[in-house]
Protein backbone atom coordinates (compact mmCIF):
# COMPACT_ATOMS: atom_id res chain seq x y z
CA UNK A 1 106.66 115.58 85.44
CA UNK A 2 105.47 112.18 85.36
CA UNK A 3 102.72 111.70 87.42
CA UNK A 4 101.23 108.33 86.24
CA UNK A 5 102.44 105.56 84.40
CA UNK A 6 99.99 102.87 82.28
CA UNK A 7 101.51 99.74 80.77
CA UNK A 8 101.67 95.80 80.52
CA UNK A 9 104.26 94.49 83.59
CA UNK A 10 107.14 93.20 81.76
CA UNK A 11 109.10 92.18 85.19
CA UNK A 12 108.05 92.38 88.92
CA UNK A 13 110.28 92.57 92.06
CA UNK A 14 110.49 92.95 95.78
CA UNK A 15 110.70 96.58 94.92
CA UNK A 16 110.28 97.69 91.84
CA UNK A 17 108.63 97.08 88.58
CA UNK A 18 109.16 97.16 84.74
CA UNK A 19 106.36 98.55 82.77
CA UNK A 20 106.14 98.57 79.08
CA UNK A 21 104.40 102.04 77.89
CA UNK A 22 104.09 102.05 73.99
CA UNK A 23 107.41 100.37 73.81
CA UNK A 24 109.21 102.10 76.19
CA UNK A 25 110.14 100.23 79.83
CA UNK A 26 110.23 102.15 82.78
CA UNK A 27 111.63 101.32 85.99
CA UNK A 28 109.28 102.41 88.88
CA UNK A 29 110.34 101.87 92.36
CA UNK A 30 107.31 100.47 94.73
CA UNK A 31 107.21 99.65 98.62
CA UNK A 32 107.15 96.02 98.96
CA UNK A 33 103.49 96.14 100.02
CA UNK A 34 102.52 97.57 96.49
CA UNK A 35 104.83 95.20 94.40
CA UNK A 36 102.69 92.28 96.58
CA UNK A 37 99.49 94.10 95.37
CA UNK A 38 100.78 94.17 91.53
CA UNK A 39 99.08 91.79 88.76
CA UNK A 40 101.35 89.42 87.56
CA UNK A 41 103.80 90.04 84.90
CA UNK A 42 101.61 90.31 81.06
CA UNK A 43 98.42 92.42 82.48
CA UNK A 44 97.65 96.06 82.63
CA UNK A 45 98.62 98.35 85.58
CA UNK A 46 98.61 101.86 86.69
CA UNK A 47 100.31 103.68 88.96
CA UNK A 48 100.77 107.33 90.31
CA UNK A 49 104.39 108.58 90.14
CA UNK A 50 106.78 110.75 91.69
CA UNK A 51 109.76 111.88 89.40
CA UNK A 52 113.29 112.24 91.99
CA UNK A 53 115.72 114.13 89.86
CA UNK A 54 119.10 114.37 90.77
CA UNK A 55 122.12 115.29 88.49
CA UNK A 56 123.45 112.16 87.90
CA UNK A 57 119.79 110.31 88.15
CA UNK A 58 116.30 109.61 87.20
CA UNK A 59 114.29 107.72 89.59
CA UNK A 60 110.29 106.60 89.30
CA UNK A 61 108.60 106.01 92.87
CA UNK A 62 104.72 104.22 92.15
CA UNK A 63 101.95 104.47 94.40
CA UNK A 64 98.40 102.86 93.83
CA UNK A 65 96.71 106.20 95.15
CA UNK A 66 96.78 109.68 95.04
CA UNK A 67 96.77 109.20 99.24
CA UNK A 68 99.64 107.03 98.94
CA UNK A 69 101.46 109.60 96.94
CA UNK A 70 100.50 112.75 99.16
CA UNK A 71 101.70 110.50 102.33
CA UNK A 72 105.06 110.26 100.39
CA UNK A 73 105.64 114.08 99.56
CA UNK A 74 104.78 114.73 103.21
CA UNK A 75 107.69 112.06 104.40
CA UNK A 76 110.35 113.20 102.36
CA UNK A 77 109.66 116.73 103.20
CA UNK A 78 111.15 115.60 106.44
CA UNK A 79 115.05 116.01 107.40
CA UNK A 80 116.67 112.24 107.22
CA UNK A 81 113.63 110.78 104.82
CA UNK A 82 114.57 109.82 101.41
CA UNK A 83 112.53 107.84 99.08
CA UNK A 84 113.20 104.69 99.77
CA UNK A 85 112.96 105.20 103.86
CA UNK A 86 109.62 106.80 102.77
CA UNK A 87 108.35 103.65 100.83
CA UNK A 88 109.67 101.37 103.87
CA UNK A 89 107.49 103.60 106.02
CA UNK A 90 104.38 102.71 103.82
CA UNK A 91 105.04 99.75 102.54
CA UNK A 92 105.19 98.88 106.79
CA UNK A 93 101.96 101.08 107.66
CA UNK A 94 100.29 102.05 104.47
CA UNK A 95 98.96 105.09 104.43
CA UNK A 96 96.26 105.16 106.67
CA UNK A 97 98.21 103.20 109.36
CA UNK A 98 100.74 106.00 109.06
CA UNK A 99 98.05 108.65 109.63
CA UNK A 100 96.87 106.82 112.79
CA UNK A 101 100.66 106.38 113.74
CA UNK A 102 101.30 110.19 113.23
CA UNK A 103 98.05 111.32 114.33
CA UNK A 104 98.37 109.28 118.19
CA UNK A 105 102.26 110.24 117.70
CA UNK A 106 102.75 106.67 118.03
CA UNK A 107 106.54 106.78 116.89
CA UNK A 108 106.98 103.55 117.32
CA UNK A 109 105.38 101.91 114.68
CA UNK A 110 107.04 104.09 112.43
CA UNK A 111 110.02 102.95 113.93
CA UNK A 112 108.93 99.23 112.61
CA UNK A 113 109.93 100.50 109.01
CA UNK A 114 113.31 99.25 108.17
CA UNK A 115 116.26 102.22 108.01
CA UNK A 116 114.33 103.93 110.73
CA UNK A 117 115.76 104.54 114.06
CA UNK A 118 114.06 106.00 117.27
CA UNK A 119 115.21 109.83 116.35
CA UNK A 120 114.26 109.98 113.21
CA UNK A 121 110.62 108.16 113.68
CA UNK A 122 110.19 110.97 116.40
CA UNK A 123 111.36 113.88 113.83
CA UNK A 124 108.65 112.04 111.54
CA UNK A 125 105.94 112.38 114.03
CA UNK A 126 106.51 115.72 115.30
CA UNK A 127 106.93 117.33 112.31
CA UNK A 128 104.20 115.68 110.48
CA UNK A 129 101.38 116.04 113.51
CA UNK A 130 99.79 119.17 112.25
CA UNK A 131 99.72 118.01 108.77
CA UNK A 132 98.71 114.69 109.18
CA UNK A 133 94.70 115.73 109.79
CA UNK A 134 94.51 117.57 106.36
CA UNK A 135 95.58 115.09 104.36
CA UNK A 136 93.82 111.98 106.29
CA UNK A 137 90.40 114.22 105.68
CA UNK A 138 90.97 114.60 102.13
CA UNK A 139 91.80 110.60 101.92
CA UNK A 140 88.42 110.15 100.36
CA UNK A 141 89.09 111.72 97.13
CA UNK A 142 92.34 110.88 97.01
CA UNK A 143 91.79 106.94 97.06
CA UNK A 144 90.59 105.79 94.11
CA UNK A 145 90.52 103.07 91.83
CA UNK A 146 92.30 103.84 88.66
CA UNK A 147 90.94 100.44 87.15
CA UNK A 148 92.37 98.75 84.44
CA UNK A 149 94.18 100.59 82.18
CA UNK A 150 93.33 99.95 78.38
CA UNK A 151 96.17 99.43 76.29
CA UNK A 152 96.18 100.26 72.60
CA UNK A 153 98.01 97.76 70.72
CA UNK A 154 98.92 97.39 66.74
CA UNK A 155 95.80 95.37 65.57
CA UNK A 156 93.13 97.52 63.36
CA UNK A 157 90.43 98.80 66.19
CA UNK A 158 86.79 96.67 65.08
CA UNK A 159 84.26 98.48 66.36
CA UNK A 160 81.84 95.91 69.22
CA UNK A 161 79.52 96.80 71.25
CA UNK A 162 80.15 95.54 75.08
CA UNK A 163 77.87 95.64 77.92
CA UNK A 164 79.06 97.54 80.77
CA UNK A 165 80.75 95.71 83.79
CA UNK A 166 78.57 96.79 87.01
CA UNK A 167 80.54 99.69 89.22
CA UNK A 168 83.48 97.13 91.45
CA UNK A 169 82.64 97.47 95.11
CA UNK A 170 84.91 100.00 96.99
CA UNK A 171 88.09 98.67 99.02
CA UNK A 172 88.20 98.32 102.62
CA UNK A 173 91.31 101.28 102.07
CA UNK A 174 88.54 103.18 100.18
CA UNK A 175 85.89 102.39 102.77
CA UNK A 176 88.54 103.25 106.06
CA UNK A 177 89.41 107.00 104.09
CA UNK A 178 85.97 107.92 103.45
CA UNK A 179 85.25 107.03 106.90
CA UNK A 180 88.00 108.66 108.52
CA UNK A 181 87.28 112.14 106.39
CA UNK A 182 83.51 112.58 106.72
CA UNK A 183 84.02 111.59 110.66
CA UNK A 184 87.02 114.46 110.93
CA UNK A 185 84.72 116.68 108.64
CA UNK A 186 81.99 115.80 111.16
CA UNK A 187 83.95 117.01 114.48
CA UNK A 188 84.94 119.62 112.61
CA UNK A 189 81.42 120.74 111.79
CA UNK A 190 81.37 120.75 115.72
CA UNK A 191 83.77 122.58 116.50
CA UNK A 192 86.93 120.47 117.45
CA UNK A 193 90.31 121.62 116.36
CA UNK A 194 91.88 119.59 113.45
CA UNK A 195 94.02 118.11 115.11
CA UNK A 196 92.49 117.06 118.75
CA UNK A 197 89.90 115.19 116.37
CA UNK A 198 92.32 113.68 114.66
CA UNK A 199 93.85 111.90 117.24
CA UNK A 200 90.49 110.90 118.43
CA UNK A 201 89.81 109.41 115.01
CA UNK A 202 92.82 107.79 114.92
CA UNK A 203 91.94 105.57 118.30
CA UNK A 204 88.72 104.83 117.69
CA UNK A 205 89.75 102.82 114.08
CA UNK A 206 92.70 101.51 115.79
CA UNK A 207 90.19 99.65 118.36
CA UNK A 208 87.73 99.75 115.64
CA UNK A 209 89.20 99.23 112.46
CA UNK A 210 86.40 98.48 109.96
CA UNK A 211 83.57 100.30 111.93
CA UNK A 212 81.07 102.54 109.81
CA UNK A 213 81.08 106.27 109.85
CA UNK A 214 78.10 107.32 112.10
CA UNK A 215 79.41 104.32 114.72
CA UNK A 216 83.36 106.05 114.44
CA UNK A 217 82.06 109.51 114.89
CA UNK A 218 80.29 108.41 118.04
CA UNK A 219 83.67 106.59 119.54
CA UNK A 220 85.81 109.49 118.08
CA UNK A 221 83.25 111.94 120.51
CA UNK A 222 83.48 109.76 123.63
CA UNK A 223 86.76 109.71 123.63
CA UNK A 224 86.75 113.48 123.20
CA UNK A 225 84.33 113.97 126.08
CA UNK A 226 85.32 115.54 129.47
CA UNK A 227 86.88 113.20 131.67
CA UNK A 228 85.24 113.52 135.18
């Protein structure tokens, strides 16, 4: 199983990328969202991958984070959702948006992806609603920055002392995933069921996408409070 590809981009397209790994070119299929975020031709890139094996076909599908790869695995477990439809859904919503849509039962958002009809969108939401909270809770651990891969060439190695670069600031996706994970953990510790906690957190984040963890927990608790 090929779980990760790191190399130099030789070619970019709307739905795939050709990556050179030590002289071997790998075609990796990606969502339009991922394709748009990749560096230009000639630069290094790393993607988590899922290998689809058929009798007459081998295809690699690439993802910028383990969180997105996990959502792909869950999506393709739904009857009628193949790898390309999964990429279309992830390309339309992103992993965080997909988690919110499923937690809120918002099949209309899933329906916006190319190739997804209303019945299939409803099936995705219904079949994954109980599984979504666990993936959302793991989001902070699965959304990691792989950094720029070091590509070894054929030239002799010259030892040099290079000052350590400052750590990169967390991306918006990483911050959102961390806030979601922490909020779900807090609500779980307070005794709320995983599904209702996920729905409240998703609704709170939909209203304020960039809210930090303490405010997200407070907003979710307000939504979970008994209505008079």
